[in-house]
Amino acid sequence: RFLRQELPEEWPPERLAQGFGVSLDVVRRVLRSRGCPPPRRRLRQDEKALKAAPAPAPAAGCEVRAPDGTLLYRLPRGWGVPGPGAQ
């Protein structure tokens, strides 16, 4: 929902479906839904996704890519892999 809301021209439903590896119907249902999981469930989902995700390459620390290598989005500054000297 965030990608579609912030960058609608860049993220049509077809590209979202391809990027997340789901059907167009699933994307439409998610975009129509308004519910958000409770904070604890959301945290568990985020942790599960991070464990399942492959480790990012050092040069691609601020980019999120689909399994086929296409760029999905870039993370804002301060997110992703810490830069040199960060603790």
PDB file of N, CA and C in Angstrom:
ATOM      1  N   ARG A   1       0.822  -1.196   0.000  1.00  0.00           N
ATOM      2  CA  ARG A   1       0.000   0.000   0.000  1.00  0.00           C
ATOM      3  C   ARG A   1       0.861   1.252   0.000  1.00  0.00           C
ATOM      4  N   PHE A   2       1.975   1.189   0.746  1.00  0.00           N
ATOM      5  CA  PHE A   2       2.861   2.347   0.829  1.00  0.00           C
ATOM      6  C   PHE A   2       3.410   2.724  -0.545  1.00  0.00           C
ATOM      7  N   LEU A   3       3.922   1.745  -1.280  1.00  0.00           N
ATOM      8  CA  LEU A   3       4.491   2.023  -2.601  1.00  0.00           C
ATOM      9  C   LEU A   3       3.441   2.613  -3.530  1.00  0.00           C
ATOM     10  N   ARG A   4       2.268   2.045  -3.537  1.00  0.00           N
ATOM     11  CA  ARG A   4       1.189   2.513  -4.409  1.00  0.00           C
ATOM     12  C   ARG A   4       0.758   3.923  -4.017  1.00  0.00           C
ATOM     13  N   GLN A   5       0.722   4.200  -2.719  1.00  0.00           N
ATOM     14  CA  GLN A   5       0.306   5.511  -2.240  1.00  0.00           C
ATOM     15  C   GLN A   5       1.342   6.587  -2.555  1.00  0.00           C
ATOM     16  N   GLU A   6       2.616   6.270  -2.326  1.00  0.00           N
ATOM     17  CA  GLU A   6       3.666   7.264  -2.505  1.00  0.00           C
ATOM     18  C   GLU A   6       4.085   7.464  -3.960  1.00  0.00           C
ATOM     19  N   LEU A   7       4.098   6.395  -4.750  1.00  0.00           N
ATOM     20  CA  LEU A   7       4.570   6.463  -6.134  1.00  0.00           C
ATOM     21  C   LEU A   7       3.599   5.732  -7.073  1.00  0.00           C
ATOM     22  N   PRO A   8       2.375   6.233  -7.234  1.00  0.00           N
ATOM     23  CA  PRO A   8       1.379   5.500  -8.020  1.00  0.00           C
ATOM     24  C   PRO A   8       1.759   5.320  -9.489  1.00  0.00           C
ATOM     25  N   GLU A   9       2.477   6.273 -10.074  1.00  0.00           N
ATOM     26  CA  GLU A   9       2.860   6.142 -11.486  1.00  0.00           C
ATOM     27  C   GLU A   9       3.899   5.037 -11.668  1.00  0.00           C
ATOM     28  N   GLU A  10       4.789   4.911 -10.673  1.00  0.00           N
ATOM     29  CA  GLU A  10       5.869   3.923 -10.734  1.00  0.00           C
ATOM     30  C   GLU A  10       5.403   2.531 -10.332  1.00  0.00           C
ATOM     31  N   TRP A  11       4.323   2.449  -9.567  1.00  0.00           N
ATOM     32  CA  TRP A  11       3.882   1.177  -9.003  1.00  0.00           C
ATOM     33  C   TRP A  11       2.445   0.838  -9.360  1.00  0.00           C
ATOM     34  N   PRO A  12       2.161   0.549 -10.626  1.00  0.00           N
ATOM     35  CA  PRO A  12       0.813   0.074 -10.976  1.00  0.00           C
ATOM     36  C   PRO A  12       0.617  -1.321 -10.366  1.00  0.00           C
ATOM     37  N   PRO A  13      -0.618  -1.760 -10.220  1.00  0.00           N
ATOM     38  CA  PRO A  13      -0.875  -3.073  -9.616  1.00  0.00           C
ATOM     39  C   PRO A  13      -0.122  -4.218 -10.302  1.00  0.00           C
ATOM     40  N   GLU A  14       0.050  -4.139 -11.602  1.00  0.00           N
ATOM     41  CA  GLU A  14       0.751  -5.213 -12.321  1.00  0.00           C
ATOM     42  C   GLU A  14       2.201  -5.329 -11.862  1.00  0.00           C
ATOM     43  N   ARG A  15       2.862  -4.188 -11.664  1.00  0.00           N
ATOM     44  CA  ARG A  15       4.261  -4.211 -11.231  1.00  0.00           C
ATOM     45  C   ARG A  15       4.373  -4.677  -9.779  1.00  0.00           C
ATOM     46  N   LEU A  16       3.409  -4.284  -8.946  1.00  0.00           N
ATOM     47  CA  LEU A  16       3.403  -4.755  -7.566  1.00  0.00           C
ATOM     48  C   LEU A  16       3.267  -6.273  -7.524  1.00  0.00           C
ATOM     49  N   ALA A  17       2.368  -6.813  -8.343  1.00  0.00           N
ATOM     50  CA  ALA A  17       2.169  -8.260  -8.377  1.00  0.00           C
ATOM     51  C   ALA A  17       3.456  -8.966  -8.805  1.00  0.00           C
ATOM     52  N   GLN A  18       4.097  -8.438  -9.817  1.00  0.00           N
ATOM     53  CA  GLN A  18       5.347  -9.042 -10.298  1.00  0.00           C
ATOM     54  C   GLN A  18       6.443  -8.921  -9.244  1.00  0.00           C
ATOM     55  N   GLY A  19       6.582  -7.755  -8.652  1.00  0.00           N
ATOM     56  CA  GLY A  19       7.646  -7.517  -7.688  1.00  0.00           C
ATOM     57  C   GLY A  19       7.520  -8.349  -6.419  1.00  0.00           C
ATOM     58  N   PHE A  20       6.285  -8.603  -5.988  1.00  0.00           N
ATOM     59  CA  PHE A  20       6.080  -9.372  -4.766  1.00  0.00           C
ATOM     60  C   PHE A  20       5.766 -10.837  -5.037  1.00  0.00           C
ATOM     61  N   GLY A  21       5.714 -11.216  -6.302  1.00  0.00           N
ATOM     62  CA  GLY A  21       5.514 -12.614  -6.654  1.00  0.00           C
ATOM     63  C   GLY A  21       4.138 -13.153  -6.297  1.00  0.00           C
ATOM     64  N   VAL A  22       3.114 -12.301  -6.442  1.00  0.00           N
ATOM     65  CA  VAL A  22       1.743 -12.718  -6.161  1.00  0.00           C
ATOM     66  C   VAL A  22       0.875 -12.397  -7.369  1.00  0.00           C
ATOM     67  N   SER A  23      -0.362 -12.876  -7.336  1.00  0.00           N
ATOM     68  CA  SER A  23      -1.268 -12.620  -8.456  1.00  0.00           C
ATOM     69  C   SER A  23      -1.811 -11.191  -8.384  1.00  0.00           C
ATOM     70  N   LEU A  24      -2.300 -10.714  -9.500  1.00  0.00           N
ATOM     71  CA  LEU A  24      -2.891  -9.380  -9.582  1.00  0.00           C
ATOM     72  C   LEU A  24      -4.107  -9.288  -8.664  1.00  0.00           C
ATOM     73  N   ASP A  25      -4.841 -10.382  -8.525  1.00  0.00           N
ATOM     74  CA  ASP A  25      -6.008 -10.408  -7.646  1.00  0.00           C
ATOM     75  C   ASP A  25      -5.613 -10.156  -6.194  1.00  0.00           C
ATOM     76  N   VAL A  26      -4.512 -10.738  -5.765  1.00  0.00           N
ATOM     77  CA  VAL A  26      -4.030 -10.537  -4.394  1.00  0.00           C
ATOM     78  C   VAL A  26      -3.673  -9.067  -4.186  1.00  0.00           C
ATOM     79  N   VAL A  27      -2.989  -8.469  -5.140  1.00  0.00           N
ATOM     80  CA  VAL A  27      -2.614  -7.057  -5.025  1.00  0.00           C
ATOM     81  C   VAL A  27      -3.861  -6.189  -4.933  1.00  0.00           C
ATOM     82  N   ARG A  28      -4.853  -6.453  -5.750  1.00  0.00           N
ATOM     83  CA  ARG A  28      -6.094  -5.662  -5.715  1.00  0.00           C
ATOM     84  C   ARG A  28      -6.774  -5.770  -4.349  1.00  0.00           C
ATOM     85  N   ARG A  29      -6.798  -6.991  -3.788  1.00  0.00           N
ATOM     86  CA  ARG A  29      -7.430  -7.168  -2.475  1.00  0.00           C
ATOM     87  C   ARG A  29      -6.667  -6.416  -1.390  1.00  0.00           C
ATOM     88  N   VAL A  30      -5.349  -6.455  -1.448  1.00  0.00           N
ATOM     89  CA  VAL A  30      -4.549  -5.749  -0.448  1.00  0.00           C
ATOM     90  C   VAL A  30      -4.761  -4.243  -0.576  1.00  0.00           C
ATOM     91  N   LEU A  31      -4.768  -3.731  -1.794  1.00  0.00           N
ATOM     92  CA  LEU A  31      -4.951  -2.292  -1.986  1.00  0.00           C
ATOM     93  C   LEU A  31      -6.334  -1.822  -1.538  1.00  0.00           C
ATOM     94  N   ARG A  32      -7.339  -2.674  -1.689  1.00  0.00           N
ATOM     95  CA  ARG A  32      -8.700  -2.312  -1.260  1.00  0.00           C
ATOM     96  C   ARG A  32      -8.862  -2.395   0.243  1.00  0.00           C
ATOM     97  N   SER A  33      -8.118  -3.270   0.892  1.00  0.00           N
ATOM     98  CA  SER A  33      -8.275  -3.459   2.335  1.00  0.00           C
ATOM     99  C   SER A  33      -7.762  -2.234   3.083  1.00  0.00           C
ATOM    100  N   ARG A  34      -8.314  -2.014   4.241  1.00  0.00           N
ATOM    101  CA  ARG A  34      -7.894  -0.868   5.049  1.00  0.00           C
ATOM    102  C   ARG A  34      -7.310  -1.297   6.392  1.00  0.00           C
ATOM    103  N   GLY A  35      -7.447  -2.554   6.721  1.00  0.00           N
ATOM    104  CA  GLY A  35      -6.992  -3.040   8.024  1.00  0.00           C
ATOM    105  C   GLY A  35      -5.484  -3.139   8.115  1.00  0.00           C
ATOM    106  N   CYS A  36      -4.985  -2.955   9.310  1.00  0.00           N
ATOM    107  CA  CYS A  36      -3.564  -3.140   9.606  1.00  0.00           C
ATOM    108  C   CYS A  36      -3.480  -4.101  10.778  1.00  0.00           C
ATOM    109  N   PRO A  37      -2.481  -4.974  10.777  1.00  0.00           N
ATOM    110  CA  PRO A  37      -2.354  -5.894  11.914  1.00  0.00           C
ATOM    111  C   PRO A  37      -1.982  -5.125  13.176  1.00  0.00           C
ATOM    112  N   PRO A  38      -2.325  -5.695  14.337  1.00  0.00           N
ATOM    113  CA  PRO A  38      -1.918  -5.061  15.597  1.00  0.00           C
ATOM    114  C   PRO A  38      -0.390  -4.960  15.660  1.00  0.00           C
ATOM    115  N   PRO A  39       0.123  -4.033  16.458  1.00  0.00           N
ATOM    116  CA  PRO A  39       1.584  -3.820  16.516  1.00  0.00           C
ATOM    117  C   PRO A  39       2.395  -5.082  16.791  1.00  0.00           C
ATOM    118  N   ARG A  40       1.947  -5.938  17.712  1.00  0.00           N
ATOM    119  CA  ARG A  40       2.721  -7.149  18.017  1.00  0.00           C
ATOM    120  C   ARG A  40       2.765  -8.087  16.814  1.00  0.00           C
ATOM    121  N   ARG A  41       1.630  -8.257  16.145  1.00  0.00           N
ATOM    122  CA  ARG A  41       1.595  -9.136  14.974  1.00  0.00           C
ATOM    123  C   ARG A  41       2.448  -8.549  13.850  1.00  0.00           C
ATOM    124  N   ARG A  42       2.367  -7.246  13.683  1.00  0.00           N
ATOM    125  CA  ARG A  42       3.159  -6.589  12.645  1.00  0.00           C
ATOM    126  C   ARG A  42       4.657  -6.789  12.902  1.00  0.00           C
ATOM    127  N   LEU A  43       5.068  -6.675  14.153  1.00  0.00           N
ATOM    128  CA  LEU A  43       6.473  -6.879  14.508  1.00  0.00           C
ATOM    129  C   LEU A  43       6.903  -8.311  14.198  1.00  0.00           C
ATOM    130  N   ARG A  44       6.044  -9.296  14.555  1.00  0.00           N
ATOM    131  CA  ARG A  44       6.363 -10.693  14.255  1.00  0.00           C
ATOM    132  C   ARG A  44       6.474 -10.914  12.750  1.00  0.00           C
ATOM    133  N   GLN A  45       5.563 -10.307  11.977  1.00  0.00           N
ATOM    134  CA  GLN A  45       5.612 -10.453  10.518  1.00  0.00           C
ATOM    135  C   GLN A  45       6.898  -9.849   9.959  1.00  0.00           C
ATOM    136  N   ASP A  46       7.281  -8.677  10.468  1.00  0.00           N
ATOM    137  CA  ASP A  46       8.508  -8.032   9.998  1.00  0.00           C
ATOM    138  C   ASP A  46       9.730  -8.880  10.328  1.00  0.00           C
ATOM    139  N   GLU A  47       9.774  -9.435  11.544  1.00  0.00           N
ATOM    140  CA  GLU A  47      10.907 -10.272  11.935  1.00  0.00           C
ATOM    141  C   GLU A  47      10.991 -11.523  11.064  1.00  0.00           C
ATOM    142  N   LYS A  48       9.849 -12.125  10.793  1.00  0.00           N
ATOM    143  CA  LYS A  48       9.807 -13.323   9.950  1.00  0.00           C
ATOM    144  C   LYS A  48      10.296 -12.998   8.537  1.00  0.00           C
ATOM    145  N   ALA A  49       9.884 -11.853   8.010  1.00  0.00           N
ATOM    146  CA  ALA A  49      10.309 -11.460   6.666  1.00  0.00           C
ATOM    147  C   ALA A  49      11.810 -11.192   6.619  1.00  0.00           C
ATOM    148  N   LEU A  50      12.341 -10.562   7.654  1.00  0.00           N
ATOM    149  CA  LEU A  50      13.776 -10.281   7.687  1.00  0.00           C
ATOM    150  C   LEU A  50      14.597 -11.565   7.774  1.00  0.00           C
ATOM    151  N   LYS A  51      14.114 -12.548   8.526  1.00  0.00           N
ATOM    152  CA  LYS A  51      14.831 -13.816   8.625  1.00  0.00           C
ATOM    153  C   LYS A  51      14.817 -14.567   7.302  1.00  0.00           C
ATOM    154  N   ALA A  52      13.713 -14.461   6.566  1.00  0.00           N
ATOM    155  CA  ALA A  52      13.571 -15.185   5.302  1.00  0.00           C
ATOM    156  C   ALA A  52      14.306 -14.501   4.159  1.00  0.00           C
ATOM    157  N   ALA A  53      14.563 -13.202   4.293  1.00  0.00           N
ATOM    158  CA  ALA A  53      15.199 -12.443   3.210  1.00  0.00           C
ATOM    159  C   ALA A  53      16.686 -12.761   3.138  1.00  0.00           C
ATOM    160  N   PRO A  54      17.234 -12.850   1.916  1.00  0.00           N
ATOM    161  CA  PRO A  54      18.680 -13.044   1.796  1.00  0.00           C
ATOM    162  C   PRO A  54      19.414 -11.793   2.269  1.00  0.00           C
ATOM    163  N   ALA A  55      20.628 -11.975   2.745  1.00  0.00           N
ATOM    164  CA  ALA A  55      21.430 -10.838   3.193  1.00  0.00           C
ATOM    165  C   ALA A  55      21.729  -9.934   2.008  1.00  0.00           C
ATOM    166  N   PRO A  56      21.561  -8.614   2.155  1.00  0.00           N
ATOM    167  CA  PRO A  56      21.826  -7.702   1.045  1.00  0.00           C
ATOM    168  C   PRO A  56      23.319  -7.613   0.743  1.00  0.00           C
ATOM    169  N   ALA A  57      23.616  -7.390  -0.514  1.00  0.00           N
ATOM    170  CA  ALA A  57      25.008  -7.174  -0.922  1.00  0.00           C
ATOM    171  C   ALA A  57      25.449  -5.830  -0.371  1.00  0.00           C
ATOM    172  N   PRO A  58      26.723  -5.658  -0.017  1.00  0.00           N
ATOM    173  CA  PRO A  58      27.177  -4.396   0.571  1.00  0.00           C
ATOM    174  C   PRO A  58      26.863  -3.168  -0.276  1.00  0.00           C
ATOM    175  N   ALA A  59      26.995  -3.268  -1.586  1.00  0.00           N
ATOM    176  CA  ALA A  59      26.741  -2.113  -2.451  1.00  0.00           C
ATOM    177  C   ALA A  59      25.263  -1.834  -2.607  1.00  0.00           C
ATOM    178  N   ALA A  60      24.399  -2.808  -2.328  1.00  0.00           N
ATOM    179  CA  ALA A  60      22.963  -2.640  -2.543  1.00  0.00           C
ATOM    180  C   ALA A  60      22.230  -2.451  -1.223  1.00  0.00           C
ATOM    181  N   GLY A  61      22.888  -1.945  -0.200  1.00  0.00           N
ATOM    182  CA  GLY A  61      22.283  -1.818   1.106  1.00  0.00           C
ATOM    183  C   GLY A  61      21.083  -0.909   1.163  1.00  0.00           C
ATOM    184  N   CYS A  62      20.961   0.039   0.261  1.00  0.00           N
ATOM    185  CA  CYS A  62      19.843   0.971   0.286  1.00  0.00           C
ATOM    186  C   CYS A  62      18.839   0.683  -0.821  1.00  0.00           C
ATOM    187  N   GLU A  63      18.948  -0.463  -1.462  1.00  0.00           N
ATOM    188  CA  GLU A  63      18.022  -0.831  -2.525  1.00  0.00           C
ATOM    189  C   GLU A  63      17.364  -2.158  -2.184  1.00  0.00           C
ATOM    190  N   VAL A  64      16.103  -2.280  -2.558  1.00  0.00           N
ATOM    191  CA  VAL A  64      15.393  -3.542  -2.398  1.00  0.00           C
ATOM    192  C   VAL A  64      15.065  -4.026  -3.799  1.00  0.00           C
ATOM    193  N   ARG A  65      15.475  -5.254  -4.083  1.00  0.00           N
ATOM    194  CA  ARG A  65      15.302  -5.807  -5.424  1.00  0.00           C
ATOM    195  C   ARG A  65      14.447  -7.057  -5.392  1.00  0.00           C
ATOM    196  N   ALA A  66      13.738  -7.300  -6.494  1.00  0.00           N
ATOM    197  CA  ALA A  66      12.942  -8.507  -6.671  1.00  0.00           C
ATOM    198  C   ALA A  66      13.885  -9.675  -6.933  1.00  0.00           C
ATOM    199  N   PRO A  67      13.400 -10.906  -6.792  1.00  0.00           N
ATOM    200  CA  PRO A  67      14.263 -12.062  -7.059  1.00  0.00           C
ATOM    201  C   PRO A  67      14.891 -12.051  -8.454  1.00  0.00           C
ATOM    202  N   ASP A  68      14.217 -11.430  -9.424  1.00  0.00           N
ATOM    203  CA  ASP A  68      14.784 -11.385 -10.775  1.00  0.00           C
ATOM    204  C   ASP A  68      15.800 -10.256 -10.950  1.00  0.00           C
ATOM    205  N   GLY A  69      16.060  -9.472  -9.882  1.00  0.00           N
ATOM    206  CA  GLY A  69      17.076  -8.426  -9.933  1.00  0.00           C
ATOM    207  C   GLY A  69      16.557  -7.039 -10.243  1.00  0.00           C
ATOM    208  N   THR A  70      15.269  -6.893 -10.575  1.00  0.00           N
ATOM    209  CA  THR A  70      14.740  -5.555 -10.872  1.00  0.00           C
ATOM    210  C   THR A  70      14.601  -4.764  -9.581  1.00  0.00           C
ATOM    211  N   LEU A  71      14.862  -3.478  -9.673  1.00  0.00           N
ATOM    212  CA  LEU A  71      14.797  -2.599  -8.507  1.00  0.00           C
ATOM    213  C   LEU A  71      13.344  -2.394  -8.113  1.00  0.00           C
ATOM    214  N   LEU A  72      13.027  -2.681  -6.843  1.00  0.00           N
ATOM    215  CA  LEU A  72      11.681  -2.447  -6.343  1.00  0.00           C
ATOM    216  C   LEU A  72      11.575  -1.039  -5.762  1.00  0.00           C
ATOM    217  N   TYR A  73      12.482  -0.693  -4.835  1.00  0.00           N
ATOM    218  CA  TYR A  73      12.506   0.660  -4.297  1.00  0.00           C
ATOM    219  C   TYR A  73      13.820   0.907  -3.590  1.00  0.00           C
ATOM    220  N   ARG A  74      14.105   2.174  -3.337  1.00  0.00           N
ATOM    221  CA  ARG A  74      15.300   2.568  -2.592  1.00  0.00           C
ATOM    222  C   ARG A  74      14.868   3.020  -1.207  1.00  0.00           C
ATOM    223  N   LEU A  75      15.633   2.606  -0.207  1.00  0.00           N
ATOM    224  CA  LEU A  75      15.332   2.999   1.159  1.00  0.00           C
ATOM    225  C   LEU A  75      15.792   4.431   1.403  1.00  0.00           C
ATOM    226  N   PRO A  76      15.094   5.155   2.279  1.00  0.00           N
ATOM    227  CA  PRO A  76      15.524   6.520   2.606  1.00  0.00           C
ATOM    228  C   PRO A  76      16.879   6.512   3.298  1.00  0.00           C
ATOM    229  N   ARG A  77      17.545   7.648   3.309  1.00  0.00           N
ATOM    230  CA  ARG A  77      18.836   7.751   3.994  1.00  0.00           C
ATOM    231  C   ARG A  77      18.678   7.380   5.448  1.00  0.00           C
ATOM    232  N   GLY A  78      19.670   6.677   5.961  1.00  0.00           N
ATOM    233  CA  GLY A  78      19.629   6.271   7.355  1.00  0.00           C
ATOM    234  C   GLY A  78      19.011   4.900   7.551  1.00  0.00           C
ATOM    235  N   TRP A  79      18.452   4.309   6.498  1.00  0.00           N
ATOM    236  CA  TRP A  79      17.871   2.966   6.565  1.00  0.00           C
ATOM    237  C   TRP A  79      18.814   2.016   5.873  1.00  0.00           C
ATOM    238  N   GLY A  80      18.664   0.749   6.100  1.00  0.00           N
ATOM    239  CA  GLY A  80      19.477  -0.235   5.402  1.00  0.00           C
ATOM    240  C   GLY A  80      20.797  -0.467   6.088  1.00  0.00           C
ATOM    241  N   VAL A  81      21.810  -0.788   5.320  1.00  0.00           N
ATOM    242  CA  VAL A  81      23.127  -1.104   5.855  1.00  0.00           C
ATOM    243  C   VAL A  81      23.781   0.161   6.370  1.00  0.00           C
ATOM    244  N   PRO A  82      24.287   0.166   7.614  1.00  0.00           N
ATOM    245  CA  PRO A  82      24.958   1.354   8.146  1.00  0.00           C
ATOM    246  C   PRO A  82      26.223   1.682   7.359  1.00  0.00           C
ATOM    247  N   GLY A  83      26.508   2.949   7.257  1.00  0.00           N
ATOM    248  CA  GLY A  83      27.692   3.386   6.547  1.00  0.00           C
ATOM    249  C   GLY A  83      28.930   3.238   7.398  1.00  0.00           C
ATOM    250  N   PRO A  84      30.104   3.607   6.858  1.00  0.00           N
ATOM    251  CA  PRO A  84      31.345   3.497   7.615  1.00  0.00           C
ATOM    252  C   PRO A  84      31.309   4.370   8.866  1.00  0.00           C
ATOM    253  N   GLY A  85      31.808   3.849   9.972  1.00  0.00           N
ATOM    254  CA  GLY A  85      31.851   4.596  11.216  1.00  0.00           C
ATOM    255  C   GLY A  85      30.567   4.534  12.017  1.00  0.00           C
ATOM    256  N   ALA A  86      29.511   3.906  11.487  1.00  0.00           N
ATOM    257  CA  ALA A  86      28.254   3.810  12.223  1.00  0.00           C
ATOM    258  C   ALA A  86      28.366   2.699  13.263  1.00  0.00           C
ATOM    259  N   GLN A  87      27.673   2.874  14.379  1.00  0.00           N
ATOM    260  CA  GLN A  87      27.736   1.860  15.426  1.00  0.00           C
ATOM    261  C   GLN A  87      26.394   1.252  15.650  1.00  0.00           C
TER     262      GLN A  87
END
